[in-house]
PDB file of N, CA and C in Angstrom:
ATOM      1  N   UNK A   1      95.053  96.992 106.999  1.00  0.00           N
ATOM      2  CA  UNK A   1      94.544  95.908 106.196  1.00  0.00           C
ATOM      3  C   UNK A   1      93.544  95.077 106.993  1.00  0.00           C
ATOM      4  N   UNK A   2      92.527  94.633 106.314  1.00  0.00           N
ATOM      5  CA  UNK A   2      91.548  93.748 106.921  1.00  0.00           C
ATOM      6  C   UNK A   2      91.803  92.328 106.441  1.00  0.00           C
ATOM      7  N   UNK A   3      91.850  91.427 107.364  1.00  0.00           N
ATOM      8  CA  UNK A   3      92.020  90.021 107.039  1.00  0.00           C
ATOM      9  C   UNK A   3      90.824  89.252 107.584  1.00  0.00           C
ATOM     10  N   UNK A   4      90.424  88.200 106.897  1.00  0.00           N
ATOM     11  CA  UNK A   4      89.342  87.376 107.423  1.00  0.00           C
ATOM     12  C   UNK A   4      89.865  86.505 108.541  1.00  0.00           C
ATOM     13  N   UNK A   5      91.164  86.304 108.596  1.00  0.00           N
ATOM     14  CA  UNK A   5      91.822  85.728 109.761  1.00  0.00           C
ATOM     15  C   UNK A   5      93.174  86.415 109.869  1.00  0.00           C
ATOM     16  N   UNK A   6      93.648  86.597 111.060  1.00  0.00           N
ATOM     17  CA  UNK A   6      94.844  87.397 111.289  1.00  0.00           C
ATOM     18  C   UNK A   6      96.101  86.531 111.247  1.00  0.00           C
ATOM     19  N   UNK A   7      97.068  86.896 110.407  1.00  0.00           N
ATOM     20  CA  UNK A   7      98.328  86.169 110.389  1.00  0.00           C
ATOM     21  C   UNK A   7      99.081  86.362 111.706  1.00  0.00           C
ATOM     22  N   UNK A   8      99.952  85.420 112.026  1.00  0.00           N
ATOM     23  CA  UNK A   8     100.702  85.504 113.273  1.00  0.00           C
ATOM     24  C   UNK A   8     101.645  86.699 113.307  1.00  0.00           C
ATOM     25  N   UNK A   9     102.151  87.106 112.157  1.00  0.00           N
ATOM     26  CA  UNK A   9     103.086  88.225 112.113  1.00  0.00           C
ATOM     27  C   UNK A   9     102.424  89.521 111.629  1.00  0.00           C
ATOM     28  N   UNK A  10     101.147  89.677 111.855  1.00  0.00           N
ATOM     29  CA  UNK A  10     100.409  90.850 111.365  1.00  0.00           C
ATOM     30  C   UNK A  10     100.968  92.153 111.924  1.00  0.00           C
ATOM     31  N   UNK A  11     101.495  92.138 113.133  1.00  0.00           N
ATOM     32  CA  UNK A  11     102.028  93.363 113.723  1.00  0.00           C
ATOM     33  C   UNK A  11     103.301  93.825 113.017  1.00  0.00           C
ATOM     34  N   UNK A  12     104.012  92.917 112.379  1.00  0.00           N
ATOM     35  CA  UNK A  12     105.263  93.259 111.712  1.00  0.00           C
ATOM     36  C   UNK A  12     105.095  93.488 110.217  1.00  0.00           C
ATOM     37  N   UNK A  13     103.909  93.263 109.683  1.00  0.00           N
ATOM     38  CA  UNK A  13     103.697  93.393 108.238  1.00  0.00           C
ATOM     39  C   UNK A  13     103.465  94.840 107.842  1.00  0.00           C
ATOM     40  N   UNK A  14     104.147  95.247 106.811  1.00  0.00           N
ATOM     41  CA  UNK A  14     103.910  96.571 106.224  1.00  0.00           C
ATOM     42  C   UNK A  14     103.943  96.413 104.721  1.00  0.00           C
ATOM     43  N   UNK A  15     103.201  97.215 104.042  1.00  0.00           N
ATOM     44  CA  UNK A  15     103.237  97.212 102.584  1.00  0.00           C
ATOM     45  C   UNK A  15     104.341  98.132 102.104  1.00  0.00           C
ATOM     46  N   UNK A  16     104.654  98.038 100.854  1.00  0.00           N
ATOM     47  CA  UNK A  16     105.656  98.939 100.283  1.00  0.00           C
ATOM     48  C   UNK A  16     105.055 100.330 100.144  1.00  0.00           C
ATOM     49  N   UNK A  17     105.769 101.319 100.615  1.00  0.00           N
ATOM     50  CA  UNK A  17     105.319 102.706 100.495  1.00  0.00           C
ATOM     51  C   UNK A  17     106.490 103.564 100.060  1.00  0.00           C
ATOM     52  N   UNK A  18     106.171 104.689  99.500  1.00  0.00           N
ATOM     53  CA  UNK A  18     107.210 105.597  99.049  1.00  0.00           C
ATOM     54  C   UNK A  18     106.736 107.033  99.102  1.00  0.00           C
ATOM     55  N   UNK A  19     107.661 107.908  98.825  1.00  0.00           N
ATOM     56  CA  UNK A  19     107.370 109.333  98.756  1.00  0.00           C
ATOM     57  C   UNK A  19     107.636 109.803  97.334  1.00  0.00           C
ATOM     58  N   UNK A  20     106.708 110.544  96.775  1.00  0.00           N
ATOM     59  CA  UNK A  20     106.836 111.039  95.402  1.00  0.00           C
ATOM     60  C   UNK A  20     107.622 112.346  95.422  1.00  0.00           C
ATOM     61  N   UNK A  21     108.623 112.423  94.541  1.00  0.00           N
ATOM     62  CA  UNK A  21     109.430 113.631  94.384  1.00  0.00           C
ATOM     63  C   UNK A  21     109.170 114.163  92.983  1.00  0.00           C
ATOM     64  N   UNK A  22     108.783 115.438  92.902  1.00  0.00           N
ATOM     65  CA  UNK A  22     108.464 116.071  91.628  1.00  0.00           C
ATOM     66  C   UNK A  22     109.446 117.209  91.390  1.00  0.00           C
ATOM     67  N   UNK A  23     110.112 117.178  90.252  1.00  0.00           N
ATOM     68  CA  UNK A  23     110.993 118.278  89.842  1.00  0.00           C
ATOM     69  C   UNK A  23     110.147 119.162  88.936  1.00  0.00           C
ATOM     70  N   UNK A  24     109.487 120.122  89.538  1.00  0.00           N
ATOM     71  CA  UNK A  24     108.447 120.904  88.852  1.00  0.00           C
ATOM     72  C   UNK A  24     108.964 121.640  87.627  1.00  0.00           C
ATOM     73  N   UNK A  25     110.157 122.205  87.692  1.00  0.00           N
ATOM     74  CA  UNK A  25     110.654 122.991  86.568  1.00  0.00           C
ATOM     75  C   UNK A  25     111.082 122.133  85.382  1.00  0.00           C
ATOM     76  N   UNK A  26     111.201 120.836  85.561  1.00  0.00           N
ATOM     77  CA  UNK A  26     111.524 119.938  84.459  1.00  0.00           C
ATOM     78  C   UNK A  26     110.249 119.445  83.753  1.00  0.00           C
ATOM     79  N   UNK A  27     109.118 119.542  84.419  1.00  0.00           N
ATOM     80  CA  UNK A  27     107.850 119.002  83.911  1.00  0.00           C
ATOM     81  C   UNK A  27     107.313 119.825  82.740  1.00  0.00           C
ATOM     82  N   UNK A  28     106.720 119.124  81.759  1.00  0.00           N
ATOM     83  CA  UNK A  28     106.068 119.792  80.629  1.00  0.00           C
ATOM     84  C   UNK A  28     104.557 119.598  80.650  1.00  0.00           C
ATOM     85  N   UNK A  29     104.023 119.123  81.766  1.00  0.00           N
ATOM     86  CA  UNK A  29     102.574 119.064  81.943  1.00  0.00           C
ATOM     87  C   UNK A  29     101.841 118.055  81.085  1.00  0.00           C
ATOM     88  N   UNK A  30     102.461 116.955  80.712  1.00  0.00           N
ATOM     89  CA  UNK A  30     101.799 115.973  79.839  1.00  0.00           C
ATOM     90  C   UNK A  30     100.681 115.226  80.572  1.00  0.00           C
ATOM     91  N   UNK A  31     100.798 115.063  81.890  1.00  0.00           N
ATOM     92  CA  UNK A  31      99.754 114.406  82.671  1.00  0.00           C
ATOM     93  C   UNK A  31      99.812 112.894  82.676  1.00  0.00           C
ATOM     94  N   UNK A  32     100.844 112.293  82.058  1.00  0.00           N
ATOM     95  CA  UNK A  32     100.955 110.833  82.046  1.00  0.00           C
ATOM     96  C   UNK A  32     101.024 110.262  83.456  1.00  0.00           C
ATOM     97  N   UNK A  33     101.793 110.903  84.326  1.00  0.00           N
ATOM     98  CA  UNK A  33     101.942 110.396  85.691  1.00  0.00           C
ATOM     99  C   UNK A  33     100.609 110.411  86.433  1.00  0.00           C
ATOM    100  N   UNK A  34      99.825 111.440  86.223  1.00  0.00           N
ATOM    101  CA  UNK A  34      98.517 111.552  86.870  1.00  0.00           C
ATOM    102  C   UNK A  34      97.567 110.490  86.326  1.00  0.00           C
ATOM    103  N   UNK A  35      97.572 110.325  85.014  1.00  0.00           N
ATOM    104  CA  UNK A  35      96.656 109.392  84.363  1.00  0.00           C
ATOM    105  C   UNK A  35      96.945 107.942  84.719  1.00  0.00           C
ATOM    106  N   UNK A  36      98.213 107.591  84.834  1.00  0.00           N
ATOM    107  CA  UNK A  36      98.574 106.190  85.021  1.00  0.00           C
ATOM    108  C   UNK A  36      98.904 105.803  86.457  1.00  0.00           C
ATOM    109  N   UNK A  37      98.804 106.706  87.398  1.00  0.00           N
ATOM    110  CA  UNK A  37      99.035 106.363  88.812  1.00  0.00           C
ATOM    111  C   UNK A  37      97.929 105.415  89.278  1.00  0.00           C
ATOM    112  N   UNK A  38      98.278 104.206  89.737  1.00  0.00           N
ATOM    113  CA  UNK A  38      97.240 103.234  90.083  1.00  0.00           C
ATOM    114  C   UNK A  38      96.410 103.606  91.302  1.00  0.00           C
ATOM    115  N   UNK A  39      96.924 104.476  92.169  1.00  0.00           N
ATOM    116  CA  UNK A  39      96.184 104.835  93.383  1.00  0.00           C
ATOM    117  C   UNK A  39      95.761 106.294  93.416  1.00  0.00           C
ATOM    118  N   UNK A  40      95.825 106.977  92.288  1.00  0.00           N
ATOM    119  CA  UNK A  40      95.408 108.389  92.185  1.00  0.00           C
ATOM    120  C   UNK A  40      96.062 109.265  93.249  1.00  0.00           C
ATOM    121  N   UNK A  41      97.357 109.126  93.381  1.00  0.00           N
ATOM    122  CA  UNK A  41      98.119 109.918  94.348  1.00  0.00           C
ATOM    123  C   UNK A  41      98.386 111.320  93.819  1.00  0.00           C
ATOM    124  N   UNK A  42      98.356 111.488  92.503  1.00  0.00           N
ATOM    125  CA  UNK A  42      98.726 112.751  91.877  1.00  0.00           C
ATOM    126  C   UNK A  42      97.540 113.425  91.190  1.00  0.00           C
ATOM    127  N   UNK A  43      97.589 114.750  91.120  1.00  0.00           N
ATOM    128  CA  UNK A  43      96.664 115.565  90.320  1.00  0.00           C
ATOM    129  C   UNK A  43      97.489 116.651  89.649  1.00  0.00           C
ATOM    130  N   UNK A  44      96.943 117.236  88.599  1.00  0.00           N
ATOM    131  CA  UNK A  44      97.615 118.374  87.974  1.00  0.00           C
ATOM    132  C   UNK A  44      97.360 119.610  88.837  1.00  0.00           C
ATOM    133  N   UNK A  45      98.417 120.308  89.175  1.00  0.00           N
ATOM    134  CA  UNK A  45      98.270 121.475  90.047  1.00  0.00           C
ATOM    135  C   UNK A  45      97.767 122.672  89.248  1.00  0.00           C
ATOM    136  N   UNK A  46      97.359 123.688  89.943  1.00  0.00           N
ATOM    137  CA  UNK A  46      96.888 124.915  89.304  1.00  0.00           C
ATOM    138  C   UNK A  46      98.030 125.897  89.103  1.00  0.00           C
ATOM    139  N   UNK A  47      99.157 125.664  89.772  1.00  0.00           N
ATOM    140  CA  UNK A  47     100.301 126.560  89.651  1.00  0.00           C
ATOM    141  C   UNK A  47     101.077 126.278  88.368  1.00  0.00           C
ATOM    142  N   UNK A  48     101.849 127.243  87.954  1.00  0.00           N
ATOM    143  CA  UNK A  48     102.694 127.108  86.777  1.00  0.00           C
ATOM    144  C   UNK A  48     104.150 126.946  87.197  1.00  0.00           C
ATOM    145  N   UNK A  49     104.914 126.201  86.413  1.00  0.00           N
ATOM    146  CA  UNK A  49     106.351 126.143  86.640  1.00  0.00           C
ATOM    147  C   UNK A  49     107.024 127.236  85.808  1.00  0.00           C
ATOM    148  N   UNK A  50     108.360 127.241  85.758  1.00  0.00           N
ATOM    149  CA  UNK A  50     109.071 128.299  85.024  1.00  0.00           C
ATOM    150  C   UNK A  50     108.817 128.251  83.523  1.00  0.00           C
ATOM    151  N   UNK A  51     108.457 127.079  83.006  1.00  0.00           N
ATOM    152  CA  UNK A  51     108.205 126.937  81.576  1.00  0.00           C
ATOM    153  C   UNK A  51     106.767 127.281  81.204  1.00  0.00           C
ATOM    154  N   UNK A  52     105.905 127.476  82.210  1.00  0.00           N
ATOM    155  CA  UNK A  52     104.516 127.814  81.947  1.00  0.00           C
ATOM    156  C   UNK A  52     103.573 126.627  81.907  1.00  0.00           C
ATOM    157  N   UNK A  53     104.032 125.480  82.388  1.00  0.00           N
ATOM    158  CA  UNK A  53     103.206 124.275  82.416  1.00  0.00           C
ATOM    159  C   UNK A  53     102.686 124.021  83.826  1.00  0.00           C
ATOM    160  N   UNK A  54     101.623 123.241  83.909  1.00  0.00           N
ATOM    161  CA  UNK A  54     101.087 122.816  85.200  1.00  0.00           C
ATOM    162  C   UNK A  54     101.732 121.487  85.583  1.00  0.00           C
ATOM    163  N   UNK A  55     102.608 121.469  86.582  1.00  0.00           N
ATOM    164  CA  UNK A  55     103.200 120.206  87.016  1.00  0.00           C
ATOM    165  C   UNK A  55     102.225 119.440  87.919  1.00  0.00           C
ATOM    166  N   UNK A  56     102.470 118.164  88.149  1.00  0.00           N
ATOM    167  CA  UNK A  56     101.598 117.411  89.052  1.00  0.00           C
ATOM    168  C   UNK A  56     101.851 117.810  90.506  1.00  0.00           C
ATOM    169  N   UNK A  57     100.903 117.458  91.345  1.00  0.00           N
ATOM    170  CA  UNK A  57     101.028 117.675  92.781  1.00  0.00           C
ATOM    171  C   UNK A  57     100.526 116.422  93.500  1.00  0.00           C
ATOM    172  N   UNK A  58     101.094 116.161  94.652  1.00  0.00           N
ATOM    173  CA  UNK A  58     100.705 114.998  95.451  1.00  0.00           C
ATOM    174  C   UNK A  58      99.473 115.371  96.268  1.00  0.00           C
ATOM    175  N   UNK A  59      98.406 114.553  96.165  1.00  0.00           N
ATOM    176  CA  UNK A  59      97.196 114.816  96.941  1.00  0.00           C
ATOM    177  C   UNK A  59      96.976 113.782  98.038  1.00  0.00           C
ATOM    178  N   UNK A  60      97.581 112.626  97.901  1.00  0.00           N
ATOM    179  CA  UNK A  60      97.450 111.581  98.915  1.00  0.00           C
ATOM    180  C   UNK A  60      98.823 111.283  99.483  1.00  0.00           C
ATOM    181  N   UNK A  61      99.257 112.132 100.389  1.00  0.00           N
ATOM    182  CA  UNK A  61     100.559 111.917 101.007  1.00  0.00           C
ATOM    183  C   UNK A  61     100.546 110.599 101.774  1.00  0.00           C
ATOM    184  N   UNK A  62     101.502 109.760 101.521  1.00  0.00           N
ATOM    185  CA  UNK A  62     101.537 108.444 102.143  1.00  0.00           C
ATOM    186  C   UNK A  62     100.791 107.384 101.368  1.00  0.00           C
ATOM    187  N   UNK A  63     100.154 107.760 100.257  1.00  0.00           N
ATOM    188  CA  UNK A  63      99.386 106.805  99.467  1.00  0.00           C
ATOM    189  C   UNK A  63     100.198 106.098  98.401  1.00  0.00           C
ATOM    190  N   UNK A  64     101.421 106.558  98.172  1.00  0.00           N
ATOM    191  CA  UNK A  64     102.274 105.972  97.135  1.00  0.00           C
ATOM    192  C   UNK A  64     102.742 104.592  97.578  1.00  0.00           C
ATOM    193  N   UNK A  65     102.623 103.624  96.673  1.00  0.00           N
ATOM    194  CA  UNK A  65     103.082 102.255  96.973  1.00  0.00           C
ATOM    195  C   UNK A  65     104.416 101.968  96.296  1.00  0.00           C
ATOM    196  N   UNK A  66     105.092 103.001  95.842  1.00  0.00           N
ATOM    197  CA  UNK A  66     106.428 102.903  95.262  1.00  0.00           C
ATOM    198  C   UNK A  66     106.469 101.943  94.074  1.00  0.00           C
ATOM    199  N   UNK A  67     105.480 102.016  93.217  1.00  0.00           N
ATOM    200  CA  UNK A  67     105.454 101.153  92.029  1.00  0.00           C
ATOM    201  C   UNK A  67     106.376 101.674  90.932  1.00  0.00           C
ATOM    202  N   UNK A  68     106.793 102.929  91.029  1.00  0.00           N
ATOM    203  CA  UNK A  68     107.694 103.589  90.079  1.00  0.00           C
ATOM    204  C   UNK A  68     107.099 103.754  88.683  1.00  0.00           C
ATOM    205  N   UNK A  69     105.804 103.608  88.536  1.00  0.00           N
ATOM    206  CA  UNK A  69     105.181 103.775  87.227  1.00  0.00           C
ATOM    207  C   UNK A  69     105.293 105.221  86.746  1.00  0.00           C
ATOM    208  N   UNK A  70     105.146 106.169  87.637  1.00  0.00           N
ATOM    209  CA  UNK A  70     105.276 107.576  87.250  1.00  0.00           C
ATOM    210  C   UNK A  70     106.684 107.851  86.727  1.00  0.00           C
ATOM    211  N   UNK A  71     107.646 107.271  87.365  1.00  0.00           N
ATOM    212  CA  UNK A  71     109.040 107.449  86.954  1.00  0.00           C
ATOM    213  C   UNK A  71     109.302 106.831  85.584  1.00  0.00           C
ATOM    214  N   UNK A  72     108.732 105.662  85.344  1.00  0.00           N
ATOM    215  CA  UNK A  72     108.949 104.976  84.073  1.00  0.00           C
ATOM    216  C   UNK A  72     108.263 105.664  82.907  1.00  0.00           C
ATOM    217  N   UNK A  73     107.120 106.300  83.157  1.00  0.00           N
ATOM    218  CA  UNK A  73     106.319 106.844  82.070  1.00  0.00           C
ATOM    219  C   UNK A  73     106.625 108.316  81.769  1.00  0.00           C
ATOM    220  N   UNK A  74     107.313 108.992  82.650  1.00  0.00           N
ATOM    221  CA  UNK A  74     107.584 110.425  82.468  1.00  0.00           C
ATOM    222  C   UNK A  74     108.624 110.646  81.377  1.00  0.00           C
ATOM    223  N   UNK A  75     108.254 111.343  80.285  1.00  0.00           N
ATOM    224  CA  UNK A  75     109.207 111.571  79.201  1.00  0.00           C
ATOM    225  C   UNK A  75     110.291 112.588  79.551  1.00  0.00           C
ATOM    226  N   UNK A  76     110.090 113.377  80.575  1.00  0.00           N
ATOM    227  CA  UNK A  76     111.044 114.424  80.950  1.00  0.00           C
ATOM    228  C   UNK A  76     111.856 114.089  82.201  1.00  0.00           C
ATOM    229  N   UNK A  77     111.660 112.894  82.772  1.00  0.00           N
ATOM    230  CA  UNK A  77     112.368 112.488  84.000  1.00  0.00           C
ATOM    231  C   UNK A  77     112.158 113.505  85.116  1.00  0.00           C
ATOM    232  N   UNK A  78     110.928 113.961  85.262  1.00  0.00           N
ATOM    233  CA  UNK A  78     110.599 115.013  86.217  1.00  0.00           C
ATOM    234  C   UNK A  78     109.977 114.489  87.500  1.00  0.00           C
ATOM    235  N   UNK A  79     109.790 113.191  87.615  1.00  0.00           N
ATOM    236  CA  UNK A  79     109.126 112.639  88.789  1.00  0.00           C
ATOM    237  C   UNK A  79     109.727 111.274  89.110  1.00  0.00           C
ATOM    238  N   UNK A  80     109.812 110.990  90.390  1.00  0.00           N
ATOM    239  CA  UNK A  80     110.267 109.674  90.824  1.00  0.00           C
ATOM    240  C   UNK A  80     109.762 109.426  92.231  1.00  0.00           C
ATOM    241  N   UNK A  81     109.816 108.184  92.663  1.00  0.00           N
ATOM    242  CA  UNK A  81     109.410 107.859  94.029  1.00  0.00           C
ATOM    243  C   UNK A  81     110.591 107.246  94.762  1.00  0.00           C
ATOM    244  N   UNK A  82     110.641 107.533  96.039  1.00  0.00           N
ATOM    245  CA  UNK A  82     111.709 107.046  96.907  1.00  0.00           C
ATOM    246  C   UNK A  82     111.080 106.119  97.928  1.00  0.00           C
ATOM    247  N   UNK A  83     111.603 104.911  98.029  1.00  0.00           N
ATOM    248  CA  UNK A  83     111.059 103.931  98.980  1.00  0.00           C
ATOM    249  C   UNK A  83     111.304 104.384 100.409  1.00  0.00           C
ATOM    250  N   UNK A  84     110.294 104.217 101.219  1.00  0.00           N
ATOM    251  CA  UNK A  84     110.455 104.500 102.648  1.00  0.00           C
ATOM    252  C   UNK A  84     111.101 103.290 103.311  1.00  0.00           C
ATOM    253  N   UNK A  85     112.017 103.522 104.229  1.00  0.00           N
ATOM    254  CA  UNK A  85     112.605 102.391 104.956  1.00  0.00           C
ATOM    255  C   UNK A  85     111.538 101.696 105.798  1.00  0.00           C
ATOM    256  N   UNK A  86     111.623 100.377 105.950  1.00  0.00           N
ATOM    257  CA  UNK A  86     110.603  99.644 106.719  1.00  0.00           C
ATOM    258  C   UNK A  86     110.446 100.150 108.149  1.00  0.00           C
ATOM    259  N   UNK A  87     111.534 100.558 108.792  1.00  0.00           N
ATOM    260  CA  UNK A  87     111.407 101.038 110.173  1.00  0.00           C
ATOM    261  C   UNK A  87     110.641 102.351 110.246  1.00  0.00           C
ATOM    262  N   UNK A  88     110.755 103.192 109.216  1.00  0.00           N
ATOM    263  CA  UNK A  88     109.980 104.432 109.179  1.00  0.00           C
ATOM    264  C   UNK A  88     108.500 104.123 109.016  1.00  0.00           C
ATOM    265  N   UNK A  89     108.171 103.107 108.230  1.00  0.00           N
ATOM    266  CA  UNK A  89     106.784 102.690 108.063  1.00  0.00           C
ATOM    267  C   UNK A  89     106.194 102.181 109.375  1.00  0.00           C
ATOM    268  N   UNK A  90     106.966 101.390 110.115  1.00  0.00           N
ATOM    269  CA  UNK A  90     106.484 100.876 111.402  1.00  0.00           C
ATOM    270  C   UNK A  90     106.231 102.003 112.379  1.00  0.00           C
ATOM    271  N   UNK A  91     107.132 102.994 112.411  1.00  0.00           N
ATOM    272  CA  UNK A  91     106.949 104.132 113.312  1.00  0.00           C
ATOM    273  C   UNK A  91     105.731 104.954 112.926  1.00  0.00           C
ATOM    274  N   UNK A  92     105.528 105.156 111.603  1.00  0.00           N
ATOM    275  CA  UNK A  92     104.371 105.922 111.140  1.00  0.00           C
ATOM    276  C   UNK A  92     103.081 105.190 111.465  1.00  0.00           C
ATOM    277  N   UNK A  93     103.069 103.859 111.269  1.00  0.00           N
ATOM    278  CA  UNK A  93     101.882 103.077 111.556  1.00  0.00           C
ATOM    279  C   UNK A  93     101.573 103.091 113.053  1.00  0.00           C
ATOM    280  N   UNK A  94     102.598 103.007 113.874  1.00  0.00           N
ATOM    281  CA  UNK A  94     102.395 103.048 115.321  1.00  0.00           C
ATOM    282  C   UNK A  94     101.850 104.409 115.768  1.00  0.00           C
ATOM    283  N   UNK A  95     102.330 105.476 115.153  1.00  0.00           N
ATOM    284  CA  UNK A  95     101.857 106.813 115.489  1.00  0.00           C
ATOM    285  C   UNK A  95     100.402 107.018 115.088  1.00  0.00           C
ATOM    286  N   UNK A  96      99.984 106.344 113.992  1.00  0.00           N
ATOM    287  CA  UNK A  96      98.599 106.464 113.531  1.00  0.00           C
ATOM    288  C   UNK A  96      97.668 105.458 114.201  1.00  0.00           C
ATOM    289  N   UNK A  97      98.220 104.599 115.033  1.00  0.00           N
ATOM    290  CA  UNK A  97      97.383 103.601 115.718  1.00  0.00           C
ATOM    291  C   UNK A  97      97.140 102.372 114.898  1.00  0.00           C
ATOM    292  N   UNK A  98      97.993 102.141 113.871  1.00  0.00           N
ATOM    293  CA  UNK A  98      97.854 100.983 112.989  1.00  0.00           C
ATOM    294  C   UNK A  98      98.469  99.745 113.605  1.00  0.00           C
ATOM    295  N   UNK A  99      98.887  98.767 112.747  1.00  0.00           N
ATOM    296  CA  UNK A  99      99.428  97.505 113.231  1.00  0.00           C
ATOM    297  C   UNK A  99     100.614  97.686 114.013  1.00  0.00           C
TER     298      UNK A  99
END
């Protein structure tokens, strides 16, 4: 994050992040999750599931902000996001050279 002035606790600040879990064989390929994802984390894949539909795929690993919109909008309950623990976020940020 860029700040015009740096907060005192900037090293300890992390945003909410999550990991998207897709149950591909439950998906019917409606595309609601892809269309309504605020950060374009998902795209429709080219592969087929057992039902013959194209399930979504994650294209921005680590880009999910755990808003759960995909989970709320999915009519088949085929997708959800899992919040990352704050300590895992700090370790990932440190490994990437972040705050």
